[in-house]
Structure formats: structure tokens, C-alpha cells
């Protein structure tokens, strides 16, 4: 838990230095999912999607958060977008299945 909180702080610092750093948002969203902060993870993903519609890792993270919130149809839509953007990424197929 401590490591995840530290990772979240590092992501926040990176975003503070460069608010357009999509990878920091992606990592932050995954950490938020791990911490059970699903709504915040969805919000983080939404910001990243505005910055880069083609960042496939964001759709996977958002799908995981939505799935945890029992918003299965929305999660499935995110996984499908992730597959379209990165058909080589097995994680998205795994999460979809």
C-alpha cells in the first residue's frame, strides 16, 4: 500500500511538471484502480483521453475502473477501443474476456 501511495505521489509530481504527460496519467489511473479509487481513476483516464485519443493503455485502465464500478457495458466499450488501437496487446483481450 505504501508503494502505491508513493507511486501516486510520483505521478502527481510528473503531471504537475507536465500536464500533458499521458503516460503519467495512465500510470496514475492504474495505481488508483489498485487503491480501489475507481471514480478517480475514470476521471484521470478522461483527462488523458482528451490529451491523446490514441493512447491505448488509457482505455485499458478506464475499462478496469469501470468494470470495478460494475459499469460493464462502458468497460467493454473501452476494451474494444483498446483492441482497435493496439491489437497486439494481450492484456486488453484478457480483460475483455
Protein backbone atom coordinates (compact mmCIF):
# COMPACT_ATOMS: atom_id res chain seq x y z
CA UNK A 1 0.00 0.00 0.00
CA UNK A 2 2.83 2.37 0.85
CA UNK A 3 4.47 1.77 -2.53
CA UNK A 4 1.23 2.51 -4.35
CA UNK A 5 0.80 5.76 -2.43
CA UNK A 6 4.38 6.70 -3.33
CA UNK A 7 3.72 5.84 -6.97
CA UNK A 8 0.63 8.05 -6.88
CA UNK A 9 2.69 10.92 -5.50
CA UNK A 10 5.30 10.50 -8.24
CA UNK A 11 2.57 10.51 -10.88
CA UNK A 12 1.12 13.68 -9.41
CA UNK A 13 4.55 15.31 -9.47
CA UNK A 14 5.08 14.29 -13.11
CA UNK A 15 1.68 15.68 -14.05
CA UNK A 16 2.48 18.85 -12.13
CA UNK A 17 5.65 19.29 -14.17
CA UNK A 18 3.98 18.44 -17.48
CA UNK A 19 0.20 18.39 -17.53
CA UNK A 20 0.23 16.76 -20.95
CA UNK A 21 2.30 13.72 -19.97
CA UNK A 22 -0.17 10.99 -20.91
CA UNK A 23 1.98 8.14 -19.55
CA UNK A 24 1.81 9.73 -16.08
CA UNK A 25 -1.98 9.79 -16.28
CA UNK A 26 -2.02 6.17 -17.42
CA UNK A 27 0.18 5.06 -14.55
CA UNK A 28 -1.80 7.16 -12.10
CA UNK A 29 -5.06 5.60 -13.27
CA UNK A 30 -3.71 2.09 -12.77
CA UNK A 31 -2.46 2.98 -9.28
CA UNK A 32 -5.85 4.47 -8.44
CA UNK A 33 -7.52 1.24 -9.59
CA UNK A 34 -5.13 -0.74 -7.36
CA UNK A 35 -6.07 1.53 -4.45
CA UNK A 36 -9.79 1.00 -5.09
CA UNK A 37 -10.29 4.62 -6.12
CA UNK A 38 -12.28 3.78 -9.22
CA UNK A 39 -14.13 7.05 -9.81
CA UNK A 40 -10.88 8.99 -9.58
CA UNK A 41 -9.28 6.54 -11.99
CA UNK A 42 -12.07 7.13 -14.52
CA UNK A 43 -11.63 10.89 -14.14
CA UNK A 44 -7.88 10.55 -14.65
CA UNK A 45 -8.46 8.49 -17.80
CA UNK A 46 -10.91 11.03 -19.15
CA UNK A 47 -8.26 13.75 -18.86
CA UNK A 48 -5.71 11.55 -20.63
CA UNK A 49 -8.15 10.70 -23.43
CA UNK A 50 -8.64 14.40 -24.09
CA UNK A 51 -4.86 14.73 -24.36
CA UNK A 52 -4.38 11.70 -26.60
CA UNK A 53 -7.27 9.76 -28.11
CA UNK A 54 -4.86 7.07 -29.33
CA UNK A 55 -3.22 6.13 -26.02
CA UNK A 56 -4.43 2.56 -25.85
CA UNK A 57 -3.24 1.99 -22.27
CA UNK A 58 -5.72 4.59 -21.07
CA UNK A 59 -8.66 2.63 -22.41
CA UNK A 60 -7.47 -0.50 -20.63
CA UNK A 61 -7.12 1.36 -17.33
CA UNK A 62 -10.50 3.03 -17.76
CA UNK A 63 -12.07 -0.32 -18.61
CA UNK A 64 -10.69 -1.84 -15.40
CA UNK A 65 -12.04 1.04 -13.31
CA UNK A 66 -15.46 0.88 -14.96
CA UNK A 67 -15.57 -2.88 -14.52
CA UNK A 68 -14.89 -2.45 -10.80
CA UNK A 69 -17.76 0.05 -10.69
CA UNK A 70 -19.96 -2.61 -12.32
CA UNK A 71 -20.39 -0.48 -15.43
CA UNK A 72 -19.79 -3.45 -17.64
CA UNK A 73 -21.09 -2.08 -20.95
CA UNK A 74 -18.91 1.03 -20.67
CA UNK A 75 -15.94 -1.13 -19.68
CA UNK A 76 -16.48 -3.33 -22.72
CA UNK A 77 -16.54 -0.26 -24.96
CA UNK A 78 -13.20 0.85 -23.52
CA UNK A 79 -11.66 -2.58 -24.06
CA UNK A 80 -12.91 -2.59 -27.65
CA UNK A 81 -11.30 0.79 -28.33
CA UNK A 82 -8.09 -0.50 -26.74
CA UNK A 83 -8.15 -3.52 -29.06
CA UNK A 84 -8.70 -1.31 -32.10
CA UNK A 85 -5.74 0.87 -31.12
CA UNK A 86 -3.41 -1.94 -30.09
CA UNK A 87 -4.48 -5.32 -31.45
CA UNK A 88 -1.10 -6.71 -30.31
CA UNK A 89 -1.77 -6.03 -26.60
CA UNK A 90 -2.87 -9.27 -24.90
CA UNK A 91 -3.91 -7.51 -21.68
CA UNK A 92 -6.88 -5.83 -23.33
CA UNK A 93 -8.10 -9.13 -24.76
CA UNK A 94 -7.65 -10.76 -21.36
CA UNK A 95 -9.64 -8.03 -19.60
CA UNK A 96 -12.35 -8.13 -22.24
CA UNK A 97 -12.71 -11.89 -21.93
